[in-house]
Amino acid sequence: MYYVPDGTEMCGYYECKECGTRFLALQTGPQLVCPYCGEEPDMEVGPDEEMPVAAESVKLIQVVKGAEEVERMDTLLSLAVTGGDYAWI
């Protein structure tokens, strides 16, 4: 599968409010840092710098349960990313 490993029983379906990307993730928390547009904060700050804050711009849309349902959602999202070129997957 494209977004999650084969045989995944439960995952979260997320959408980023900043870049609009929709994806599946193994986490099922209410908010995440976007893996596409969000940046991991650099915790090595100097004496004159502020502590960085990771912006959690991704919201949970749905918790997807069941191996067949997860595989179906993964395939649909993968086809949307590839423009319908199923051979690429």
C-alpha atoms as a PDB file:
ATOM      1  CA  MET A   1       0.000   0.000   0.000  1.00  0.00           C
ATOM      2  CA  TYR A   2       1.057   3.600  -0.506  1.00  0.00           C
ATOM      3  CA  TYR A   3       0.315   5.418   2.776  1.00  0.00           C
ATOM      4  CA  VAL A   4       0.255   2.645   5.396  1.00  0.00           C
ATOM      5  CA  PRO A   5       1.864  -0.833   5.578  1.00  0.00           C
ATOM      6  CA  ASP A   6       0.027  -3.902   4.266  1.00  0.00           C
ATOM      7  CA  GLY A   7      -2.280  -5.528   6.798  1.00  0.00           C
ATOM      8  CA  THR A   8      -2.980  -2.338   8.764  1.00  0.00           C
ATOM      9  CA  GLU A   9      -6.195  -2.771  10.768  1.00  0.00           C
ATOM     10  CA  MET A  10      -6.765   0.831  11.886  1.00  0.00           C
ATOM     11  CA  CYS A  11      -5.481   4.229  10.800  1.00  0.00           C
ATOM     12  CA  GLY A  12      -6.482   7.876  10.692  1.00  0.00           C
ATOM     13  CA  TYR A  13      -7.668   9.800   7.625  1.00  0.00           C
ATOM     14  CA  TYR A  14      -6.331  13.361   7.870  1.00  0.00           C
ATOM     15  CA  GLU A  15      -6.488  16.674   6.021  1.00  0.00           C
ATOM     16  CA  CYS A  16      -4.067  19.587   6.364  1.00  0.00           C
ATOM     17  CA  LYS A  17      -5.756  22.974   6.607  1.00  0.00           C
ATOM     18  CA  GLU A  18      -2.592  24.726   5.341  1.00  0.00           C
ATOM     19  CA  CYS A  19      -1.783  22.797   2.132  1.00  0.00           C
ATOM     20  CA  GLY A  20      -5.038  20.835   1.705  1.00  0.00           C
ATOM     21  CA  THR A  21      -3.294  17.460   1.470  1.00  0.00           C
ATOM     22  CA  ARG A  22      -5.301  14.401   2.528  1.00  0.00           C
ATOM     23  CA  PHE A  23      -3.495  11.275   3.681  1.00  0.00           C
ATOM     24  CA  LEU A  24      -3.643   8.197   5.890  1.00  0.00           C
ATOM     25  CA  ALA A  25      -1.437   7.823   8.967  1.00  0.00           C
ATOM     26  CA  LEU A  26      -0.998   5.115  11.574  1.00  0.00           C
ATOM     27  CA  GLN A  27      -1.680   7.684  14.300  1.00  0.00           C
ATOM     28  CA  THR A  28      -5.271   8.384  15.319  1.00  0.00           C
ATOM     29  CA  GLY A  29      -4.792  11.559  17.340  1.00  0.00           C
ATOM     30  CA  PRO A  30      -7.018  14.596  16.796  1.00  0.00           C
ATOM     31  CA  GLN A  31      -4.183  16.766  15.399  1.00  0.00           C
ATOM     32  CA  LEU A  32      -0.763  16.191  13.825  1.00  0.00           C
ATOM     33  CA  VAL A  33       2.080  18.136  12.239  1.00  0.00           C
ATOM     34  CA  CYS A  34       1.728  17.922   8.451  1.00  0.00           C
ATOM     35  CA  PRO A  35       4.386  15.628   6.944  1.00  0.00           C
ATOM     36  CA  TYR A  36       4.265  17.642   3.700  1.00  0.00           C
ATOM     37  CA  CYS A  37       4.232  21.326   4.675  1.00  0.00           C
ATOM     38  CA  GLY A  38       4.956  21.222   8.417  1.00  0.00           C
ATOM     39  CA  GLU A  39       8.496  21.349   9.677  1.00  0.00           C
ATOM     40  CA  GLU A  40       9.934  19.607  12.664  1.00  0.00           C
ATOM     41  CA  PRO A  41      11.182  22.240  15.084  1.00  0.00           C
ATOM     42  CA  ASP A  42      14.936  22.573  15.557  1.00  0.00           C
ATOM     43  CA  MET A  43      15.335  22.172  19.310  1.00  0.00           C
ATOM     44  CA  GLU A  44      18.906  23.486  19.266  1.00  0.00           C
ATOM     45  CA  VAL A  45      18.188  27.114  20.047  1.00  0.00           C
ATOM     46  CA  GLY A  46      20.688  29.780  20.874  1.00  0.00           C
ATOM     47  CA  PRO A  47      20.516  32.202  23.804  1.00  0.00           C
ATOM     48  CA  ASP A  48      18.808  34.909  21.719  1.00  0.00           C
ATOM     49  CA  GLU A  49      16.324  32.622  19.908  1.00  0.00           C
ATOM     50  CA  GLU A  50      12.816  31.605  20.855  1.00  0.00           C
ATOM     51  CA  MET A  51      11.840  27.992  21.369  1.00  0.00           C
ATOM     52  CA  PRO A  52      10.215  26.769  18.118  1.00  0.00           C
ATOM     53  CA  VAL A  53       6.628  25.536  18.136  1.00  0.00           C
ATOM     54  CA  ALA A  54       5.405  22.742  15.861  1.00  0.00           C
ATOM     55  CA  ALA A  55       2.139  23.864  14.259  1.00  0.00           C
ATOM     56  CA  GLU A  56      -0.402  21.048  14.269  1.00  0.00           C
ATOM     57  CA  SER A  57      -2.318  21.996  11.123  1.00  0.00           C
ATOM     58  CA  VAL A  58      -3.629  18.501  10.318  1.00  0.00           C
ATOM     59  CA  LYS A  59      -7.086  17.523  11.565  1.00  0.00           C
ATOM     60  CA  LEU A  60      -8.487  14.005  11.891  1.00  0.00           C
ATOM     61  CA  ILE A  61     -11.419  13.494   9.514  1.00  0.00           C
ATOM     62  CA  GLN A  62     -12.176   9.837  10.208  1.00  0.00           C
ATOM     63  CA  VAL A  63     -10.774   6.747  11.918  1.00  0.00           C
ATOM     64  CA  VAL A  64     -10.663   3.945   9.336  1.00  0.00           C
ATOM     65  CA  LYS A  65     -11.103   0.462  10.832  1.00  0.00           C
ATOM     66  CA  GLY A  66     -10.757  -2.965   9.262  1.00  0.00           C
ATOM     67  CA  ALA A  67      -8.065  -4.228   6.894  1.00  0.00           C
ATOM     68  CA  GLU A  68     -10.340  -4.135   3.827  1.00  0.00           C
ATOM     69  CA  GLU A  69     -11.556  -0.597   4.547  1.00  0.00           C
ATOM     70  CA  VAL A  70      -7.981   0.641   5.134  1.00  0.00           C
ATOM     71  CA  GLU A  71      -6.832  -0.965   1.873  1.00  0.00           C
ATOM     72  CA  ARG A  72      -9.753   0.606  -0.025  1.00  0.00           C
ATOM     73  CA  MET A  73      -9.044   4.111   1.347  1.00  0.00           C
ATOM     74  CA  ASP A  74      -5.328   3.717   0.635  1.00  0.00           C
ATOM     75  CA  THR A  75      -6.020   2.703  -2.962  1.00  0.00           C
ATOM     76  CA  LEU A  76      -8.465   5.583  -3.520  1.00  0.00           C
ATOM     77  CA  LEU A  77      -6.041   8.177  -2.141  1.00  0.00           C
ATOM     78  CA  SER A  78      -3.155   6.652  -4.110  1.00  0.00           C
ATOM     79  CA  LEU A  79      -5.144   6.851  -7.338  1.00  0.00           C
ATOM     80  CA  ALA A  80      -5.961  10.491  -6.624  1.00  0.00           C
ATOM     81  CA  VAL A  81      -2.250  11.258  -6.138  1.00  0.00           C
ATOM     82  CA  THR A  82      -1.166   9.428  -9.318  1.00  0.00           C
ATOM     83  CA  GLY A  83      -3.966  10.814 -11.476  1.00  0.00           C
ATOM     84  CA  GLY A  84      -5.523   7.395 -12.033  1.00  0.00           C
ATOM     85  CA  ASP A  85      -2.353   5.628 -13.170  1.00  0.00           C
ATOM     86  CA  TYR A  86      -2.961   2.372 -11.303  1.00  0.00           C
ATOM     87  CA  ALA A  87       0.174   0.756 -12.771  1.00  0.00           C
ATOM     88  CA  TRP A  88       2.338   3.177 -10.784  1.00  0.00           C
ATOM     89  CA  ILE A  89       1.144   1.788  -7.433  1.00  0.00           C
END
